[in-house]
Amino acid sequence: MHTGDDVNDTAGQASNRRGRDRARTEADLLQATFDLLQRDGIFAGLNLQEVADRSGVNRGQIYQYFGDRRSLLRAAVAHRAREWAAGAKRHWEASFLGRRKAMFRSALANPAPTLVEALLAIDGDPDYHALPEIEKTRAALERDQATGALPADGDAIAMHVFMVAAYKGYLIFREALARDVGVPVEELDARVLAVHDQVAGAMTEGDARDR
């Protein structure tokens, strides 16, 4: 004989299983998206049937969970951003210089999301946001100016936008730039990182903790 509590527990367990199943399926679809983009290139076109096959689901589930190709790509970028945020909980406590150094290095270690962002931006996706954490960014920049980590009379938002555009632009062109300069990509990465840090440092007023 099942009590009401037994029924509720069973229903709750089934609901949790369904929730985990969907979350796992979505994660698999997003991983498959990045795997295929990495293999074929961003502009080769994402084959949704291949995404489904690689994830072990039917193609209809992609539309059920994400709606369309653009939404899938946006979700993939957001998924990677959440993964990054989970491992960088103290990011917003760092100074402007510390944040910029960390972001460029993180993007270099995992360039695929930035390349997908470029695709969404070029495609004119109105729901893509290049600065999804703009309110946290504003608050951090205001703190930077209040503490002297950035000039009090400087255009902090423009400084932030400039540095974001610099590292995202480099990631898009880095392989072509390395070919033209005639050096391995890894060597150019190191040299550009050094210049990036110098430029970011020149924008600050000497937050010694991050120098």
Protein backbone atom coordinates (compact mmCIF):
# COMPACT_ATOMS: atom_id res chain seq x y z
CA MET A 1 0.00 0.00 0.00
CA HIS A 2 1.36 3.39 -0.99
CA THR A 3 0.80 6.38 1.22
CA GLY A 4 0.38 9.89 -0.10
CA ASP A 5 3.98 10.57 0.91
CA ASP A 6 5.12 7.54 -1.11
CA VAL A 7 3.29 8.83 -4.17
CA ASN A 8 4.73 12.30 -3.73
CA ASP A 9 8.25 10.91 -3.28
CA THR A 10 7.91 8.78 -6.40
CA ALA A 11 6.58 11.70 -8.41
CA GLY A 12 9.38 13.89 -7.14
CA GLN A 13 12.01 11.34 -8.06
CA ALA A 14 10.52 10.95 -11.55
CA SER A 15 10.48 14.72 -11.94
CA ASN A 16 14.11 14.94 -10.84
CA ARG A 17 15.06 12.21 -13.30
CA ARG A 18 13.29 14.05 -16.10
CA GLY A 19 15.01 17.28 -15.10
CA ARG A 20 18.41 15.62 -15.06
CA ASP A 21 17.70 13.88 -18.35
CA ARG A 22 16.81 17.14 -20.05
CA ALA A 23 19.77 18.96 -18.54
CA ARG A 24 22.11 16.17 -19.63
CA THR A 25 20.60 16.11 -23.13
CA GLU A 26 20.95 19.88 -23.48
CA ALA A 27 24.56 19.72 -22.28
CA ASP A 28 25.29 16.95 -24.80
CA LEU A 29 23.74 18.98 -27.62
CA LEU A 30 25.76 22.05 -26.68
CA GLN A 31 28.98 20.04 -26.47
CA ALA A 32 28.26 18.43 -29.85
CA THR A 33 27.68 21.90 -31.29
CA PHE A 34 31.14 23.04 -30.21
CA ASP A 35 32.77 19.79 -31.30
CA LEU A 36 31.37 20.14 -34.83
CA LEU A 37 32.19 23.84 -35.07
CA GLN A 38 35.73 23.04 -33.95
CA ARG A 39 36.01 20.28 -36.54
CA ASP A 40 34.39 22.00 -39.52
CA GLY A 41 34.96 25.69 -38.84
CA ILE A 42 32.51 28.34 -37.76
CA PHE A 43 31.37 29.37 -41.21
CA ALA A 44 31.05 25.89 -42.72
CA GLY A 45 27.46 25.71 -41.48
CA LEU A 46 26.20 23.73 -38.53
CA ASN A 47 24.43 20.52 -39.53
CA LEU A 48 21.66 20.05 -36.96
CA GLN A 49 21.16 16.42 -37.93
CA GLU A 50 24.80 15.77 -37.16
CA VAL A 51 24.44 17.56 -33.84
CA ALA A 52 21.48 15.32 -33.01
CA ASP A 53 23.24 12.13 -34.14
CA ARG A 54 26.36 12.99 -32.14
CA SER A 55 24.21 13.59 -29.05
CA GLY A 56 22.12 10.43 -29.46
CA VAL A 57 18.80 12.28 -29.79
CA ASN A 58 16.41 13.02 -32.61
CA ARG A 59 16.63 16.30 -34.48
CA GLY A 60 13.22 17.38 -33.23
CA GLN A 61 14.59 17.69 -29.71
CA ILE A 62 16.92 20.45 -30.86
CA TYR A 63 13.92 22.50 -31.96
CA GLN A 64 12.04 21.49 -28.82
CA TYR A 65 14.83 22.65 -26.50
CA PHE A 66 16.34 25.55 -28.43
CA GLY A 67 13.94 26.61 -31.17
CA ASP A 68 16.34 27.16 -34.08
CA ARG A 69 20.01 27.22 -35.09
CA ARG A 70 20.62 30.75 -33.82
CA SER A 71 19.14 29.92 -30.44
CA LEU A 72 21.28 26.79 -30.24
CA LEU A 73 24.41 28.83 -30.93
CA ARG A 74 23.43 31.47 -28.37
CA ALA A 75 22.76 28.74 -25.82
CA ALA A 76 26.14 27.15 -26.55
CA VAL A 77 27.91 30.46 -25.87
CA ALA A 78 25.88 31.01 -22.69
CA HIS A 79 26.66 27.46 -21.53
CA ARG A 80 30.40 28.04 -21.87
CA ALA A 81 30.02 31.38 -20.08
CA ARG A 82 28.29 29.65 -17.16
CA GLU A 83 31.04 27.04 -17.03
CA TRP A 84 33.64 29.81 -16.92
CA ALA A 85 31.73 31.73 -14.23
CA ALA A 86 31.51 28.63 -12.04
CA GLY A 87 35.29 28.45 -11.95
CA ALA A 88 35.90 32.19 -11.57
CA LYS A 89 33.68 33.20 -8.69
CA ARG A 90 36.05 35.95 -7.53
CA HIS A 91 36.36 37.50 -10.98
CA TRP A 92 34.29 40.55 -10.11
CA GLU A 93 36.39 41.22 -7.01
CA ALA A 94 39.54 41.70 -9.12
CA SER A 95 40.62 45.07 -10.46
CA PHE A 96 40.23 46.20 -14.07
CA LEU A 97 43.74 45.02 -14.89
CA GLY A 98 43.21 41.69 -13.16
CA ARG A 99 39.90 41.09 -14.93
CA ARG A 100 41.27 41.95 -18.34
CA LYS A 101 44.28 39.67 -17.90
CA ALA A 102 42.08 36.80 -16.74
CA MET A 103 39.54 37.20 -19.55
CA PHE A 104 42.10 37.24 -22.35
CA ARG A 105 43.87 34.18 -20.99
CA SER A 106 40.60 32.32 -20.52
CA ALA A 107 39.51 33.17 -24.07
CA LEU A 108 42.84 32.03 -25.52
CA ALA A 109 42.50 28.72 -23.70
CA ASN A 110 39.00 28.23 -25.14
CA PRO A 111 38.54 30.36 -28.30
CA ALA A 112 35.50 28.55 -29.75
CA PRO A 113 32.82 30.59 -27.91
CA THR A 114 34.29 33.85 -29.19
CA LEU A 115 34.23 32.54 -32.76
CA VAL A 116 30.57 31.58 -32.35
CA GLU A 117 29.90 35.07 -30.96
CA ALA A 118 31.49 36.52 -34.09
CA LEU A 119 29.15 34.45 -36.23
CA LEU A 120 26.09 35.66 -34.31
CA ALA A 121 27.25 39.28 -34.48
CA ILE A 122 27.99 39.15 -38.22
CA ASP A 123 24.65 37.44 -38.78
CA GLY A 124 22.95 40.39 -37.09
CA ASP A 125 21.30 38.32 -34.36
CA PRO A 126 19.31 40.89 -32.34
CA ASP A 127 19.25 38.62 -29.29
CA TYR A 128 23.03 38.27 -29.08
CA HIS A 129 24.69 40.43 -26.41
CA ALA A 130 28.43 41.07 -26.59
CA LEU A 131 28.36 42.33 -22.97
CA PRO A 132 25.88 40.02 -21.21
CA GLU A 133 27.08 41.05 -17.73
CA ILE A 134 26.95 44.79 -18.38
CA GLU A 135 25.42 45.71 -15.00
CA LYS A 136 28.10 43.79 -13.08
CA THR A 137 30.67 45.38 -15.37
CA ARG A 138 29.39 48.89 -14.64
CA ALA A 139 29.49 48.24 -10.91
CA ALA A 140 33.05 46.87 -11.10
CA LEU A 141 34.22 49.82 -13.21
CA GLU A 142 32.67 52.29 -10.76
CA ARG A 143 34.53 50.54 -7.95
CA ASP A 144 37.75 50.67 -10.00
CA GLN A 145 37.42 54.42 -10.36
CA ALA A 146 36.51 54.89 -6.71
CA THR A 147 39.56 52.91 -5.55
CA GLY A 148 41.98 54.43 -8.05
CA ALA A 149 42.42 51.27 -10.11
CA LEU A 150 41.18 53.37 -13.06
CA PRO A 151 41.44 57.13 -13.55
CA ALA A 152 38.48 58.83 -11.88
CA ASP A 153 37.98 61.09 -14.91
CA GLY A 154 38.43 58.35 -17.53
CA ASP A 155 35.75 56.83 -19.76
CA ALA A 156 35.70 53.46 -18.02
CA ILE A 157 33.03 51.91 -20.23
CA ALA A 158 34.95 52.85 -23.38
CA MET A 159 38.13 51.40 -21.86
CA HIS A 160 36.30 48.15 -21.16
CA VAL A 161 34.77 48.01 -24.64
CA PHE A 162 38.15 48.68 -26.25
CA MET A 163 39.83 45.85 -24.36
CA VAL A 164 37.00 43.40 -25.06
CA ALA A 165 37.09 44.28 -28.76
CA ALA A 166 40.89 43.87 -28.77
CA TYR A 167 40.96 40.33 -27.41
CA LYS A 168 37.88 39.11 -29.28
CA GLY A 169 39.22 40.55 -32.53
CA TYR A 170 42.58 38.93 -31.99
CA LEU A 171 40.96 35.54 -31.41
CA ILE A 172 39.08 35.81 -34.71
CA PHE A 173 42.18 36.67 -36.75
CA ARG A 174 44.98 35.04 -34.75
CA GLU A 175 45.70 32.12 -37.09
CA ALA A 176 45.71 34.30 -40.21
CA LEU A 177 47.84 36.91 -38.43
CA ALA A 178 50.34 34.26 -37.34
CA ARG A 179 50.64 33.01 -40.92
CA ASP A 180 51.25 36.51 -42.25
CA VAL A 181 53.79 37.36 -39.54
CA GLY A 182 55.48 34.02 -40.07
CA VAL A 183 55.50 32.73 -36.50
CA PRO A 184 53.70 29.87 -34.72
CA VAL A 185 50.30 30.80 -33.27
CA GLU A 186 51.51 29.98 -29.74
CA GLU A 187 54.43 32.40 -30.07
CA LEU A 188 52.20 35.18 -31.36
CA ASP A 189 49.73 34.51 -28.54
CA ALA A 190 52.46 35.07 -25.96
CA ARG A 191 53.68 38.25 -27.61
CA VAL A 192 50.20 39.70 -28.01
CA LEU A 193 49.36 38.80 -24.41
CA ALA A 194 52.37 40.79 -23.24
CA VAL A 195 51.30 43.83 -25.27
CA HIS A 196 47.70 43.44 -24.10
CA ASP A 197 48.85 43.53 -20.48
CA GLN A 198 50.98 46.60 -21.13
CA VAL A 199 48.05 48.45 -22.72
CA ALA A 200 45.66 47.44 -19.93
CA GLY A 201 48.26 48.46 -17.35
CA ALA A 202 48.70 51.86 -18.99
CA MET A 203 44.98 52.50 -18.52
CA THR A 204 45.22 52.03 -14.76
CA GLU A 205 46.78 54.12 -12.07
CA GLY A 206 48.88 51.37 -10.55
CA ASP A 207 46.92 48.64 -8.86
CA ALA A 208 50.11 47.04 -7.59
CA ARG A 209 48.41 43.76 -6.66
CA ASP A 210 47.93 42.85 -10.31
CA ARG A 211 51.22 44.06 -11.77
